[in-house]
């Protein structure tokens, strides 16, 4: 679970190219949500809040830090189902696409992330 999170945040911080499996997307989403909840609890209990809505400082900083990786993994998830990254902006449909199994085999956005042996099978074919 944490490996997927590290992969998104450290290795693919601003990578909007290629494809992301459902597992990669949802594990990032799960870990990110858990971290956000923990930080918000810390903010609330220590009084690290500001403004009328009691916005937590640590939670806000974390949200800003993972904004770009969140968009990047969402765009790559749309690519896995052979859709443009712009589909992230369509509220309900993007959730349906995020839950849909990715297209098997390579598509216009790259190789199938589930099939790691795909490149080996393509050697010698032209």
Protein backbone atom coordinates (compact mmCIF):
# COMPACT_ATOMS: atom_id res chain seq x y z
CA UNK A 1 0.00 0.00 0.00
CA UNK A 2 2.72 2.47 0.94
CA UNK A 3 4.80 1.40 -2.06
CA UNK A 4 2.07 2.66 -4.39
CA UNK A 5 1.87 5.93 -2.47
CA UNK A 6 5.65 6.42 -2.64
CA UNK A 7 5.62 5.56 -6.35
CA UNK A 8 3.08 8.29 -7.06
CA UNK A 9 4.55 10.95 -4.78
CA UNK A 10 8.29 10.35 -5.26
CA UNK A 11 8.77 8.74 -8.67
CA UNK A 12 5.84 10.24 -10.60
CA UNK A 13 5.37 13.58 -8.84
CA UNK A 14 4.63 15.54 -12.02
CA UNK A 15 4.30 12.69 -14.50
CA UNK A 16 1.13 13.18 -16.53
CA UNK A 17 2.22 10.71 -19.23
CA UNK A 18 1.49 7.02 -19.35
CA UNK A 19 -1.07 4.95 -17.50
CA UNK A 20 -1.93 4.16 -13.87
CA UNK A 21 -3.63 0.98 -12.72
CA UNK A 22 -6.72 1.08 -10.56
CA UNK A 23 -4.66 -0.29 -7.67
CA UNK A 24 -2.09 2.52 -7.95
CA UNK A 25 -4.78 5.19 -8.08
CA UNK A 26 -6.94 3.87 -5.25
CA UNK A 27 -4.00 3.03 -2.94
CA UNK A 28 -2.71 6.58 -3.38
CA UNK A 29 -6.22 7.90 -2.68
CA UNK A 30 -6.59 5.71 0.45
CA UNK A 31 -3.19 6.58 1.96
CA UNK A 32 -3.64 10.25 1.14
CA UNK A 33 -7.06 10.28 2.81
CA UNK A 34 -5.69 8.55 5.93
CA UNK A 35 -2.82 11.04 6.15
CA UNK A 36 -5.25 13.95 5.72
CA UNK A 37 -7.54 12.68 8.49
CA UNK A 38 -4.60 12.16 10.87
CA UNK A 39 -3.22 15.63 10.14
CA UNK A 40 -6.66 17.22 10.64
CA UNK A 41 -7.02 15.46 14.00
CA UNK A 42 -3.57 16.73 15.01
CA UNK A 43 -4.51 20.24 13.85
CA UNK A 44 -7.76 20.18 15.84
CA UNK A 45 -6.25 18.78 19.04
CA UNK A 46 -3.22 21.08 19.07
CA UNK A 47 -5.11 24.19 17.98
CA UNK A 48 -3.16 24.61 14.73
CA UNK A 49 -6.16 26.13 12.98
CA UNK A 50 -7.05 29.50 11.56
CA UNK A 51 -10.00 31.36 10.10
CA UNK A 52 -13.71 31.03 10.70
CA UNK A 53 -13.80 27.48 9.27
CA UNK A 54 -11.00 26.32 11.60
CA UNK A 55 -8.79 25.26 8.70
CA UNK A 56 -5.89 23.12 9.88
CA UNK A 57 -2.40 24.32 9.01
CA UNK A 58 -0.81 20.86 8.66
CA UNK A 59 -3.74 19.55 6.63
CA UNK A 60 -3.60 22.57 4.34
CA UNK A 61 0.16 22.22 3.77
CA UNK A 62 -0.25 18.50 3.03
CA UNK A 63 -3.11 19.18 0.60
CA UNK A 64 -1.00 21.69 -1.31
CA UNK A 65 1.96 19.28 -1.44
CA UNK A 66 -0.08 16.42 -2.93
CA UNK A 67 -2.20 18.53 -5.30
CA UNK A 68 0.03 17.95 -8.33
CA UNK A 69 0.62 14.22 -7.70
CA UNK A 70 -3.14 13.78 -7.19
CA UNK A 71 -3.88 15.38 -10.54
CA UNK A 72 -1.08 13.43 -12.22
CA UNK A 73 -2.26 10.03 -11.00
CA UNK A 74 -5.86 10.90 -11.90
CA UNK A 75 -4.82 11.87 -15.44
CA UNK A 76 -2.79 8.66 -15.79
CA UNK A 77 -5.83 6.71 -14.53
CA UNK A 78 -7.97 8.28 -17.27
CA UNK A 79 -5.27 7.31 -19.79
CA UNK A 80 -5.51 3.68 -18.61
CA UNK A 81 -9.15 3.59 -19.73
CA UNK A 82 -8.18 5.25 -23.03
CA UNK A 83 -9.64 8.66 -22.17
CA UNK A 84 -8.06 12.10 -22.21
CA UNK A 85 -6.88 13.51 -18.91
CA UNK A 86 -9.48 16.25 -19.28
CA UNK A 87 -12.13 13.70 -18.23
CA UNK A 88 -10.92 14.27 -14.66
CA UNK A 89 -12.97 17.48 -14.75
CA UNK A 90 -16.32 15.71 -15.32
CA UNK A 91 -17.67 15.06 -11.78
CA UNK A 92 -19.53 11.72 -11.78
CA UNK A 93 -18.15 10.27 -15.00
CA UNK A 94 -14.55 10.52 -13.76
CA UNK A 95 -15.44 8.38 -10.74
CA UNK A 96 -16.99 5.77 -13.02
CA UNK A 97 -13.87 5.78 -15.19
CA UNK A 98 -11.59 5.54 -12.14
CA UNK A 99 -13.43 2.36 -11.12
CA UNK A 100 -13.40 0.86 -14.62
CA UNK A 101 -10.81 -1.75 -15.53
CA UNK A 102 -8.09 -0.39 -17.79
CA UNK A 103 -7.84 -1.19 -21.46
CA UNK A 104 -5.93 -4.42 -22.07
CA UNK A 105 -2.76 -4.10 -24.08
CA UNK A 106 -1.11 -0.90 -25.22
CA UNK A 107 -3.18 2.13 -26.13
CA UNK A 108 -2.36 5.63 -27.39
CA UNK A 109 -1.13 6.62 -23.90
CA UNK A 110 1.34 3.81 -23.39
CA UNK A 111 1.87 0.19 -22.45
CA UNK A 112 -0.52 -1.75 -20.23
CA UNK A 113 0.73 -1.27 -16.64
CA UNK A 114 -0.71 -4.67 -15.65
CA UNK A 115 1.28 -6.56 -18.28
CA UNK A 116 4.94 -6.10 -17.35
CA UNK A 117 6.09 -8.64 -19.97
CA UNK A 118 4.48 -6.80 -22.87
CA UNK A 119 7.74 -5.25 -24.09
CA UNK A 120 9.43 -8.65 -24.18
CA UNK A 121 6.59 -10.06 -26.30
CA UNK A 122 6.95 -7.18 -28.79
CA UNK A 123 10.65 -7.87 -29.51
CA UNK A 124 11.12 -8.92 -33.12
CA UNK A 125 7.63 -7.84 -34.25
CA UNK A 126 7.42 -5.06 -36.78
